[in-house]
């Protein structure tokens, strides 16, 4: 999905990397909201914080869409 395709109130899914453990990632639901400190800017609200939505953010309309990309990115069998 692209930034222009989402609106405040939309529920989306993202692949979230744990900032404390670089090799840990999972799929999380987030909400599209207006950023409270940047009026008119869209943000992801996830883990009780706001992340300004960037064109390069990978957001997905459904868990299954995010899961397909997750499996492509983290298919550890390809490295065996």
N, C-alpha and C. Protein backbone atom coordinates (compact mmCIF):
# COMPACT_ATOMS: atom_id res chain seq x y z
N UNK A 1 0.84 -1.18 0.00
CA UNK A 1 0.00 0.00 0.00
C UNK A 1 0.88 1.23 0.00
N UNK A 2 0.36 2.29 -0.55
CA UNK A 2 1.09 3.54 -0.56
C UNK A 2 0.45 4.52 0.42
N UNK A 3 1.23 5.49 0.83
CA UNK A 3 0.78 6.51 1.78
C UNK A 3 -0.52 7.16 1.34
N UNK A 4 -0.63 7.41 0.06
CA UNK A 4 -1.81 8.09 -0.46
C UNK A 4 -3.06 7.21 -0.41
N UNK A 5 -2.88 5.90 -0.23
CA UNK A 5 -4.00 4.96 -0.23
C UNK A 5 -4.61 4.71 1.14
N UNK A 6 -4.07 5.34 2.18
CA UNK A 6 -4.59 5.12 3.52
C UNK A 6 -5.13 6.41 4.11
N UNK A 7 -6.06 6.24 5.03
CA UNK A 7 -6.70 7.38 5.68
C UNK A 7 -6.72 7.17 7.19
N UNK A 8 -6.83 8.27 7.92
CA UNK A 8 -6.93 8.17 9.38
C UNK A 8 -8.06 7.22 9.75
N UNK A 9 -7.77 6.34 10.69
CA UNK A 9 -8.75 5.35 11.12
C UNK A 9 -8.56 3.98 10.50
N UNK A 10 -7.78 3.91 9.41
CA UNK A 10 -7.53 2.62 8.76
C UNK A 10 -6.67 1.74 9.66
N UNK A 11 -6.99 0.47 9.72
CA UNK A 11 -6.15 -0.53 10.39
C UNK A 11 -5.26 -1.15 9.32
N UNK A 12 -3.98 -1.21 9.59
CA UNK A 12 -3.02 -1.79 8.65
C UNK A 12 -2.10 -2.74 9.40
N UNK A 13 -1.28 -3.45 8.67
CA UNK A 13 -0.32 -4.38 9.27
C UNK A 13 1.08 -4.01 8.80
N UNK A 14 2.03 -4.12 9.70
CA UNK A 14 3.42 -3.81 9.39
C UNK A 14 4.31 -4.93 9.90
N UNK A 15 5.47 -5.06 9.29
CA UNK A 15 6.48 -5.98 9.80
C UNK A 15 7.34 -5.14 10.72
N UNK A 16 7.28 -5.46 11.99
CA UNK A 16 7.93 -4.65 13.03
C UNK A 16 9.16 -5.37 13.55
N UNK A 17 10.29 -4.70 13.47
CA UNK A 17 11.53 -5.26 14.02
C UNK A 17 11.72 -4.77 15.43
N UNK A 18 12.08 -5.68 16.29
CA UNK A 18 12.35 -5.33 17.68
C UNK A 18 13.63 -4.50 17.72
N UNK A 19 13.56 -3.26 18.22
CA UNK A 19 14.76 -2.41 18.22
C UNK A 19 15.87 -2.92 19.15
N UNK A 20 15.52 -3.83 20.06
CA UNK A 20 16.51 -4.35 21.01
C UNK A 20 17.11 -5.68 20.59
N UNK A 21 16.51 -6.30 19.57
CA UNK A 21 17.01 -7.58 19.07
C UNK A 21 16.82 -7.59 17.55
N UNK A 22 17.86 -7.25 16.83
CA UNK A 22 17.78 -7.03 15.38
C UNK A 22 17.26 -8.23 14.60
N UNK A 23 17.42 -9.43 15.14
CA UNK A 23 16.98 -10.60 14.38
C UNK A 23 15.57 -11.05 14.76
N UNK A 24 14.83 -10.20 15.48
CA UNK A 24 13.47 -10.53 15.88
C UNK A 24 12.51 -9.57 15.17
N UNK A 25 11.58 -10.14 14.44
CA UNK A 25 10.56 -9.34 13.75
C UNK A 25 9.24 -10.09 13.81
N UNK A 26 8.16 -9.33 13.80
CA UNK A 26 6.85 -9.95 13.75
C UNK A 26 5.87 -9.00 13.07
N UNK A 27 4.71 -9.52 12.80
CA UNK A 27 3.68 -8.73 12.14
C UNK A 27 2.80 -8.11 13.22
N UNK A 28 2.60 -6.80 13.12
CA UNK A 28 1.82 -6.07 14.11
C UNK A 28 0.73 -5.27 13.42
N UNK A 29 -0.40 -5.18 14.07
CA UNK A 29 -1.45 -4.30 13.58
C UNK A 29 -1.15 -2.88 14.05
N UNK A 30 -1.41 -1.91 13.21
CA UNK A 30 -1.22 -0.50 13.54
C UNK A 30 -2.43 0.27 13.01
N UNK A 31 -2.57 1.48 13.47
CA UNK A 31 -3.65 2.33 12.99
C UNK A 31 -3.06 3.56 12.33
N UNK A 32 -3.68 3.98 11.25
CA UNK A 32 -3.29 5.23 10.59
C UNK A 32 -4.00 6.36 11.32
N UNK A 33 -3.22 7.35 11.75
CA UNK A 33 -3.77 8.49 12.49
C UNK A 33 -3.09 9.76 11.98
N UNK A 34 -3.64 10.91 12.37
CA UNK A 34 -2.96 12.17 12.12
C UNK A 34 -1.95 12.35 13.24
N UNK A 35 -0.72 12.69 12.88
CA UNK A 35 0.33 12.85 13.89
C UNK A 35 0.00 14.07 14.75
N UNK A 36 0.00 13.92 16.07
CA UNK A 36 -0.39 15.04 16.95
C UNK A 36 0.56 16.23 16.90
N UNK A 37 1.82 16.01 16.55
CA UNK A 37 2.79 17.10 16.51
C UNK A 37 3.05 17.63 15.10
N UNK A 38 2.46 16.99 14.11
CA UNK A 38 2.63 17.39 12.71
C UNK A 38 1.26 17.39 12.03
N UNK A 39 0.45 18.43 12.28
CA UNK A 39 -0.90 18.48 11.70
C UNK A 39 -0.87 18.27 10.18
N UNK A 40 -1.79 17.45 9.72
CA UNK A 40 -1.89 17.16 8.30
C UNK A 40 -1.03 16.01 7.84
N UNK A 41 -0.17 15.49 8.71
CA UNK A 41 0.71 14.38 8.36
C UNK A 41 0.14 13.07 8.90
N UNK A 42 0.19 12.04 8.06
CA UNK A 42 -0.27 10.72 8.48
C UNK A 42 0.83 10.03 9.28
N UNK A 43 0.40 9.23 10.26
CA UNK A 43 1.35 8.50 11.09
C UNK A 43 0.80 7.10 11.38
N UNK A 44 1.71 6.19 11.67
CA UNK A 44 1.34 4.88 12.20
C UNK A 44 1.31 5.01 13.71
N UNK A 45 0.26 4.53 14.33
CA UNK A 45 0.21 4.47 15.79
C UNK A 45 0.39 3.00 16.16
N UNK A 46 1.55 2.71 16.75
CA UNK A 46 1.90 1.35 17.09
C UNK A 46 2.71 1.36 18.38
N UNK A 47 2.43 0.44 19.26
CA UNK A 47 3.11 0.35 20.56
C UNK A 47 3.07 1.68 21.31
N UNK A 48 1.91 2.31 21.30
CA UNK A 48 1.68 3.57 22.02
C UNK A 48 2.60 4.70 21.58
N UNK A 49 3.04 4.67 20.33
CA UNK A 49 3.86 5.77 19.83
C UNK A 49 3.48 6.06 18.37
N UNK A 50 3.89 7.22 17.91
CA UNK A 50 3.58 7.69 16.56
C UNK A 50 4.83 7.61 15.69
N UNK A 51 4.64 7.12 14.49
CA UNK A 51 5.73 7.02 13.51
C UNK A 51 5.23 7.71 12.25
N UNK A 52 5.83 8.85 11.90
CA UNK A 52 5.41 9.53 10.67
C UNK A 52 5.47 8.56 9.51
N UNK A 53 4.42 8.51 8.74
CA UNK A 53 4.32 7.58 7.62
C UNK A 53 5.17 8.08 6.48
N UNK A 54 6.06 7.25 6.02
CA UNK A 54 6.98 7.57 4.93
C UNK A 54 6.61 6.74 3.71
N UNK A 55 6.91 7.26 2.54
CA UNK A 55 6.61 6.53 1.30
C UNK A 55 7.28 5.16 1.26
N UNK A 56 8.38 5.00 1.97
CA UNK A 56 9.12 3.74 1.94
C UNK A 56 8.65 2.73 2.99
N UNK A 57 7.72 3.12 3.86
CA UNK A 57 7.20 2.19 4.85
C UNK A 57 6.38 1.11 4.16
N UNK A 58 6.61 -0.12 4.55
CA UNK A 58 5.85 -1.24 4.00
C UNK A 58 4.64 -1.48 4.89
N UNK A 59 3.48 -1.11 4.38
CA UNK A 59 2.24 -1.32 5.12
C UNK A 59 1.34 -2.22 4.28
N UNK A 60 0.55 -3.02 4.96
CA UNK A 60 -0.26 -4.02 4.26
C UNK A 60 -1.71 -3.92 4.74
N UNK A 61 -2.66 -4.15 3.82
CA UNK A 61 -4.07 -4.03 4.19
C UNK A 61 -4.59 -5.20 5.02
N UNK A 62 -3.88 -6.33 5.00
CA UNK A 62 -4.34 -7.50 5.75
C UNK A 62 -3.15 -8.24 6.35
N UNK A 63 -3.45 -9.03 7.36
CA UNK A 63 -2.41 -9.85 7.99
C UNK A 63 -1.82 -10.81 6.97
N UNK A 64 -2.67 -11.41 6.15
CA UNK A 64 -2.17 -12.40 5.18
C UNK A 64 -1.24 -11.77 4.15
N UNK A 65 -1.51 -10.53 3.74
CA UNK A 65 -0.60 -9.85 2.81
C UNK A 65 0.76 -9.60 3.48
N UNK A 66 0.73 -9.19 4.73
CA UNK A 66 1.98 -8.97 5.47
C UNK A 66 2.73 -10.28 5.66
N UNK A 67 1.99 -11.34 5.89
CA UNK A 67 2.60 -12.66 6.12
C UNK A 67 3.35 -13.16 4.89
N UNK A 68 2.80 -12.91 3.71
CA UNK A 68 3.47 -13.30 2.46
C UNK A 68 4.83 -12.62 2.37
N UNK A 69 4.88 -11.32 2.62
CA UNK A 69 6.15 -10.59 2.55
C UNK A 69 7.09 -11.03 3.67
N UNK A 70 6.55 -11.24 4.86
CA UNK A 70 7.36 -11.71 5.99
C UNK A 70 8.05 -13.01 5.62
N UNK A 71 7.31 -13.94 5.04
CA UNK A 71 7.89 -15.24 4.66
C UNK A 71 8.95 -15.10 3.58
N UNK A 72 8.79 -14.14 2.69
CA UNK A 72 9.83 -13.89 1.67
C UNK A 72 11.08 -13.31 2.31
N UNK A 73 10.90 -12.39 3.24
CA UNK A 73 12.04 -11.74 3.87
C UNK A 73 12.78 -12.62 4.86
N UNK A 74 12.04 -13.46 5.56
CA UNK A 74 12.64 -14.24 6.64
C UNK A 74 12.59 -15.74 6.40
N UNK A 75 12.72 -16.13 5.14
CA UNK A 75 12.77 -17.55 4.80
C UNK A 75 14.18 -18.05 5.05
N UNK A 76 14.40 -18.52 6.27
CA UNK A 76 15.74 -18.94 6.66
C UNK A 76 16.19 -20.20 5.93
N UNK A 77 15.27 -20.99 5.40
CA UNK A 77 15.63 -22.21 4.69
C UNK A 77 16.45 -21.90 3.42
N UNK A 78 16.25 -20.74 2.84
CA UNK A 78 16.98 -20.41 1.63
C UNK A 78 18.49 -20.26 1.89
N UNK A 79 18.87 -20.09 3.15
CA UNK A 79 20.27 -19.90 3.48
C UNK A 79 20.96 -21.18 3.91
N UNK A 80 20.22 -22.26 3.99
CA UNK A 80 20.81 -23.54 4.41
C UNK A 80 21.56 -24.22 3.27
